[in-house]
């Protein structure tokens, strides 16, 4: 999934004319247009971001603990801080951090109307409905078995 997004970004950058290559806003719109889940996320302005690379942590031994591949991204106007250390690659962590930052900014700016919150609520409702259907199905099966046992007991008596 991440590799596809990276390749798509490279293709989009290559397709843009030299005058538009520096325009991150246009590139952001083009990249999010290909994503079906989250369409209306805010575009990040690189001047508003502070980026640091700190040492990693967690499992992985020396490969993660001694390399500075953990990305800390701060959005200066809002004060939102994102820390990303999902992979050993700094480039991938930078991309992940920016995606997370865009999602957090969307939630901070739009609140309850944010696509992320709306999608999360829909997922919770969908899961609840599915659980309800499963429980109803199990109850029907239980009742059916009880009726069959009762019918068998009448036949044997």
Protein backbone atom coordinates (compact mmCIF):
# COMPACT_ATOMS: atom_id res chain seq x y z
CA UNK A 1 0.00 0.00 0.00
CA UNK A 2 2.78 2.44 0.93
CA UNK A 3 4.87 1.50 -2.08
CA UNK A 4 1.92 2.11 -4.38
CA UNK A 5 1.45 5.58 -2.90
CA UNK A 6 5.17 6.35 -3.33
CA UNK A 7 5.11 5.20 -6.94
CA UNK A 8 1.93 7.18 -7.58
CA UNK A 9 3.57 10.29 -6.11
CA UNK A 10 6.63 9.83 -8.33
CA UNK A 11 4.43 9.42 -11.42
CA UNK A 12 2.43 12.53 -10.52
CA UNK A 13 5.59 14.57 -9.89
CA UNK A 14 7.06 13.44 -13.22
CA UNK A 15 3.84 14.32 -15.04
CA UNK A 16 3.65 17.84 -13.64
CA UNK A 17 5.22 20.56 -15.73
CA UNK A 18 8.42 22.16 -14.35
CA UNK A 19 6.50 25.27 -13.30
CA UNK A 20 4.09 23.27 -11.15
CA UNK A 21 6.53 20.85 -9.54
CA UNK A 22 7.14 23.10 -6.55
CA UNK A 23 3.43 23.56 -5.88
CA UNK A 24 2.76 21.17 -3.00
CA UNK A 25 -0.91 22.16 -2.87
CA UNK A 26 -1.61 20.87 -6.36
CA UNK A 27 0.41 17.74 -5.71
CA UNK A 28 -1.51 17.13 -2.47
CA UNK A 29 -4.83 17.45 -4.27
CA UNK A 30 -3.74 15.04 -6.97
CA UNK A 31 -2.45 12.49 -4.48
CA UNK A 32 -5.56 12.54 -2.31
CA UNK A 33 -7.80 12.32 -5.37
CA UNK A 34 -6.59 8.74 -5.87
CA UNK A 35 -7.51 7.74 -2.31
CA UNK A 36 -11.08 6.62 -1.99
CA UNK A 37 -11.25 6.64 1.81
CA UNK A 38 -10.10 10.12 2.79
CA UNK A 39 -10.65 12.75 0.14
CA UNK A 40 -10.97 16.05 1.96
CA UNK A 41 -7.86 16.17 4.17
CA UNK A 42 -6.07 19.52 4.56
CA UNK A 43 -2.92 20.15 2.57
CA UNK A 44 0.23 20.55 4.65
CA UNK A 45 2.28 23.70 4.22
CA UNK A 46 5.94 22.76 4.69
CA UNK A 47 6.76 26.20 6.14
CA UNK A 48 4.40 25.50 9.06
CA UNK A 49 6.13 22.22 9.98
CA UNK A 50 9.13 21.56 12.21
CA UNK A 51 10.75 18.20 11.59
CA UNK A 52 13.21 16.38 13.83
CA UNK A 53 14.84 12.99 13.58
CA UNK A 54 15.35 11.27 16.91
CA UNK A 55 16.60 7.86 17.95
CA UNK A 56 14.20 5.00 17.63
CA UNK A 57 12.94 2.71 20.36
CA UNK A 58 11.35 -0.69 20.82
CA UNK A 59 12.16 -4.11 19.41
CA UNK A 60 14.81 -4.45 16.73
CA UNK A 61 17.97 -4.02 18.75
CA UNK A 62 20.81 -1.91 17.45
CA UNK A 63 19.13 -1.43 14.07
CA UNK A 64 16.40 0.69 15.64
CA UNK A 65 17.89 1.93 18.89
CA UNK A 66 21.05 3.56 17.50
CA UNK A 67 19.72 5.09 14.30
CA UNK A 68 17.88 8.40 14.13
CA UNK A 69 15.01 7.22 11.97
CA UNK A 70 12.12 8.21 14.23
CA UNK A 71 10.40 11.32 12.82
CA UNK A 72 8.92 13.97 15.11
CA UNK A 73 6.75 16.40 13.18
CA UNK A 74 5.28 19.54 14.76
CA UNK A 75 2.66 21.78 13.20
CA UNK A 76 3.67 25.18 14.58
CA UNK A 77 0.32 27.09 14.28
CA UNK A 78 -1.71 24.43 16.12
CA UNK A 79 1.02 22.86 18.25
CA UNK A 80 0.08 19.32 17.14
CA UNK A 81 3.01 16.89 17.44
CA UNK A 82 3.26 13.56 15.60
CA UNK A 83 5.92 10.95 16.28
CA UNK A 84 6.34 8.16 13.74
CA UNK A 85 8.64 5.17 13.96
CA UNK A 86 6.77 2.51 12.01
CA UNK A 87 9.65 1.41 9.78
CA UNK A 88 13.45 1.59 9.70
CA UNK A 89 13.30 3.89 6.67
CA UNK A 90 13.41 7.62 7.39
CA UNK A 91 11.66 8.42 4.10
CA UNK A 92 8.75 6.09 4.80
CA UNK A 93 8.48 7.39 8.37
CA UNK A 94 8.38 10.98 7.03
CA UNK A 95 5.51 10.07 4.69
CA UNK A 96 3.64 8.23 7.46
CA UNK A 97 4.13 11.18 9.83
CA UNK A 98 2.74 13.60 7.27
CA UNK A 99 -0.32 11.42 6.64
CA UNK A 100 -0.95 11.17 10.38
CA UNK A 101 -0.47 14.94 10.70
CA UNK A 102 -3.00 15.59 7.94
CA UNK A 103 -5.52 13.36 9.70
CA UNK A 104 -4.93 15.06 13.07
CA UNK A 105 -5.23 18.51 11.49
CA UNK A 106 -8.49 17.47 9.86
CA UNK A 107 -9.86 16.38 13.23
CA UNK A 108 -8.57 19.55 14.94
CA UNK A 109 -10.02 21.89 12.29
CA UNK A 110 -13.37 20.22 11.59
CA UNK A 111 -14.07 18.51 14.90
CA UNK A 112 -17.07 16.17 14.78
CA UNK A 113 -17.55 16.87 11.05
CA UNK A 114 -14.14 15.42 10.21
CA UNK A 115 -14.14 12.56 7.72
CA UNK A 116 -12.00 10.49 10.05
CA UNK A 117 -14.42 10.78 12.96
CA UNK A 118 -17.41 10.20 10.71
CA UNK A 119 -15.76 7.09 9.20
CA UNK A 120 -14.84 5.81 12.66
CA UNK A 121 -18.42 6.25 13.90
CA UNK A 122 -19.75 4.47 10.81
CA UNK A 123 -17.33 1.60 11.40
CA UNK A 124 -18.45 1.29 15.04
CA UNK A 125 -22.12 1.23 14.01
CA UNK A 126 -21.42 -1.29 11.27
CA UNK A 127 -19.54 -3.53 13.70
CA UNK A 128 -22.37 -3.25 16.26
CA UNK A 129 -24.97 -4.16 13.61
CA UNK A 130 -22.91 -7.12 12.46
CA UNK A 131 -22.51 -8.35 16.06
CA UNK A 132 -26.26 -7.99 16.54
CA UNK A 133 -27.00 -10.06 13.43
CA UNK A 134 -24.55 -12.76 14.54
CA UNK A 135 -26.18 -12.93 17.98
CA UNK A 136 -29.65 -13.16 16.42
CA UNK A 137 -28.46 -15.95 14.14
CA UNK A 138 -26.95 -17.85 17.08
CA UNK A 139 -30.18 -17.43 19.03
CA UNK A 140 -32.23 -18.80 16.10
CA UNK A 141 -29.91 -21.81 15.87
CA UNK A 142 -30.21 -22.44 19.61
CA UNK A 143 -34.00 -22.28 19.45
CA UNK A 144 -34.06 -24.58 16.42
CA UNK A 145 -31.93 -27.15 18.24
CA UNK A 146 -34.18 -26.96 21.31
CA UNK A 147 -37.27 -27.49 19.14
CA UNK A 148 -35.65 -30.48 17.44
CA UNK A 149 -34.74 -32.02 20.82
CA UNK A 150 -38.27 -31.46 22.09
CA UNK A 151 -39.70 -33.07 18.93
CA UNK A 152 -37.33 -36.06 19.28
CA UNK A 153 -38.30 -36.49 22.93
CA UNK A 154 -42.02 -36.54 21.99
CA UNK A 155 -41.34 -39.13 19.28
CA UNK A 156 -39.46 -41.43 21.65
CA UNK A 157 -42.13 -41.22 24.39
